[in-house]
C-alpha atoms as a PDB file:
ATOM      1  CA  MET A   1     -11.771  47.421 -12.371  1.00  0.00           C
ATOM      2  CA  THR A   2     -14.286  46.775  -9.517  1.00  0.00           C
ATOM      3  CA  ALA A   3     -13.334  44.923  -6.318  1.00  0.00           C
ATOM      4  CA  THR A   4     -15.165  42.236  -8.262  1.00  0.00           C
ATOM      5  CA  THR A   5     -13.691  41.972 -11.814  1.00  0.00           C
ATOM      6  CA  PRO A   6      -9.597  41.476 -12.023  1.00  0.00           C
ATOM      7  CA  ALA A   7      -7.639  43.972 -12.418  1.00  0.00           C
ATOM      8  CA  VAL A   8      -5.629  43.717 -16.157  1.00  0.00           C
ATOM      9  CA  GLY A   9      -2.135  43.335 -13.930  1.00  0.00           C
ATOM     10  CA  ASP A  10      -4.023  40.036 -12.776  1.00  0.00           C
ATOM     11  CA  VAL A  11      -4.345  39.077 -15.794  1.00  0.00           C
ATOM     12  CA  LEU A  12      -0.943  39.826 -16.893  1.00  0.00           C
ATOM     13  CA  VAL A  13       0.418  37.680 -14.534  1.00  0.00           C
ATOM     14  CA  ALA A  14      -1.835  35.003 -15.083  1.00  0.00           C
ATOM     15  CA  LEU A  15      -0.952  34.655 -19.181  1.00  0.00           C
ATOM     16  CA  ALA A  16       2.756  35.303 -18.383  1.00  0.00           C
ATOM     17  CA  ASP A  17       3.287  31.082 -17.793  1.00  0.00           C
ATOM     18  CA  PRO A  18       3.522  29.350 -20.535  1.00  0.00           C
ATOM     19  CA  THR A  19       1.812  26.240 -19.398  1.00  0.00           C
ATOM     20  CA  ARG A  20      -1.259  28.538 -18.264  1.00  0.00           C
ATOM     21  CA  ARG A  21      -1.873  29.512 -22.152  1.00  0.00           C
ATOM     22  CA  ARG A  22      -1.562  26.329 -22.843  1.00  0.00           C
ATOM     23  CA  VAL A  23      -4.166  25.429 -20.400  1.00  0.00           C
ATOM     24  CA  LEU A  24      -6.413  28.349 -21.921  1.00  0.00           C
ATOM     25  CA  ASP A  25      -5.601  26.788 -25.357  1.00  0.00           C
ATOM     26  CA  VAL A  26      -6.889  23.681 -24.555  1.00  0.00           C
ATOM     27  CA  LEU A  27      -9.909  24.752 -23.308  1.00  0.00           C
ATOM     28  CA  ALA A  28     -10.318  27.501 -26.532  1.00  0.00           C
ATOM     29  CA  ALA A  29     -10.528  24.392 -28.556  1.00  0.00           C
ATOM     30  CA  ARG A  30     -12.817  22.236 -26.733  1.00  0.00           C
ATOM     31  CA  GLY A  31     -15.141  24.382 -25.408  1.00  0.00           C
ATOM     32  CA  GLU A  32     -14.945  23.311 -21.881  1.00  0.00           C
ATOM     33  CA  GLY A  33     -12.913  20.378 -19.817  1.00  0.00           C
ATOM     34  CA  THR A  34     -12.172  19.534 -16.306  1.00  0.00           C
ATOM     35  CA  ALA A  35      -8.433  19.231 -14.670  1.00  0.00           C
ATOM     36  CA  THR A  36      -8.064  15.496 -15.844  1.00  0.00           C
ATOM     37  CA  THR A  37      -8.936  16.172 -19.822  1.00  0.00           C
ATOM     38  CA  VAL A  38      -7.134  19.264 -19.778  1.00  0.00           C
ATOM     39  CA  ALA A  39      -3.845  16.860 -18.043  1.00  0.00           C
ATOM     40  CA  ALA A  40      -4.340  14.318 -20.779  1.00  0.00           C
ATOM     41  CA  GLU A  41      -3.535  16.816 -23.439  1.00  0.00           C
ATOM     42  CA  LEU A  42      -0.457  18.662 -21.271  1.00  0.00           C
ATOM     43  CA  PRO A  43       2.419  17.256 -19.977  1.00  0.00           C
ATOM     44  CA  VAL A  44       2.036  18.107 -16.561  1.00  0.00           C
ATOM     45  CA  SER A  45       0.277  16.320 -13.463  1.00  0.00           C
ATOM     46  CA  ARG A  46      -3.905  16.573 -13.012  1.00  0.00           C
ATOM     47  CA  GLN A  47      -2.653  19.026  -9.849  1.00  0.00           C
ATOM     48  CA  ALA A  48      -0.348  21.138 -11.450  1.00  0.00           C
ATOM     49  CA  VAL A  49      -3.606  21.484 -14.189  1.00  0.00           C
ATOM     50  CA  VAL A  50      -5.797  22.513 -11.078  1.00  0.00           C
ATOM     51  CA  LYS A  51      -3.122  24.596  -9.841  1.00  0.00           C
ATOM     52  CA  HIS A  52      -3.004  26.683 -12.950  1.00  0.00           C
ATOM     53  CA  LEU A  53      -6.742  26.437 -13.620  1.00  0.00           C
ATOM     54  CA  ALA A  54      -7.205  28.651  -9.999  1.00  0.00           C
ATOM     55  CA  VAL A  55      -4.853  31.112 -11.051  1.00  0.00           C
ATOM     56  CA  LEU A  56      -6.923  31.184 -14.077  1.00  0.00           C
ATOM     57  CA  ASP A  57      -9.664  31.399 -12.422  1.00  0.00           C
ATOM     58  CA  ALA A  58      -8.961  34.713  -9.411  1.00  0.00           C
ATOM     59  CA  ALA A  59      -7.878  36.279 -12.660  1.00  0.00           C
ATOM     60  CA  GLY A  60     -10.946  35.861 -14.564  1.00  0.00           C
ATOM     61  CA  LEU A  61     -10.167  33.798 -17.509  1.00  0.00           C
ATOM     62  CA  VAL A  62     -11.925  30.969 -17.030  1.00  0.00           C
ATOM     63  CA  ALA A  63     -15.012  30.102 -15.251  1.00  0.00           C
ATOM     64  CA  GLY A  64     -15.744  26.958 -13.593  1.00  0.00           C
ATOM     65  CA  GLY A  65     -19.046  25.230 -12.517  1.00  0.00           C
ATOM     66  CA  ARG A  66     -19.847  22.011 -10.885  1.00  0.00           C
ATOM     67  CA  ALA A  67     -21.079  19.271 -12.968  1.00  0.00           C
ATOM     68  CA  GLY A  68     -21.870  16.229 -10.386  1.00  0.00           C
ATOM     69  CA  ARG A  69     -18.146  15.519  -9.082  1.00  0.00           C
ATOM     70  CA  GLU A  70     -16.633  17.486 -11.327  1.00  0.00           C
ATOM     71  CA  VAL A  71     -15.545  20.741 -12.267  1.00  0.00           C
ATOM     72  CA  ARG A  72     -15.741  21.873 -15.823  1.00  0.00           C
ATOM     73  CA  TYR A  73     -14.004  25.042 -16.950  1.00  0.00           C
ATOM     74  CA  SER A  74     -14.010  27.412 -20.325  1.00  0.00           C
ATOM     75  CA  VAL A  75     -12.634  30.307 -21.206  1.00  0.00           C
ATOM     76  CA  ARG A  76     -14.078  33.637 -20.406  1.00  0.00           C
ATOM     77  CA  SER A  77     -13.147  35.551 -23.670  1.00  0.00           C
ATOM     78  CA  GLN A  78     -14.309  38.922 -21.930  1.00  0.00           C
ATOM     79  CA  GLN A  79     -10.848  39.499 -20.045  1.00  0.00           C
ATOM     80  CA  LEU A  80      -8.655  38.201 -22.557  1.00  0.00           C
ATOM     81  CA  ASP A  81     -10.548  41.119 -24.036  1.00  0.00           C
ATOM     82  CA  ALA A  82      -9.965  43.751 -21.845  1.00  0.00           C
ATOM     83  CA  ALA A  83      -6.230  42.978 -21.405  1.00  0.00           C
ATOM     84  CA  ALA A  84      -6.118  43.630 -25.186  1.00  0.00           C
ATOM     85  CA  ARG A  85      -7.706  46.324 -25.323  1.00  0.00           C
ATOM     86  CA  TRP A  86      -5.577  47.715 -22.495  1.00  0.00           C
END
């Protein structure tokens, strides 16, 4: 992996947490979402979702883009595919 591409180990560590897997499930089902919309579907606070999204973003599993005051996240399936191939 390059310095800009997270290692497969980072992806696996991020996926080890069941709440982060649920966050990915919610984002995959919706296409995209904010920390607030994801938290509304999970039994965790918005602040907890923000922290989980940061881990997923660092592992390259989600991409965030600012839309006004919000950050909208979507799943980056390329990293999931790379981990599955490993």
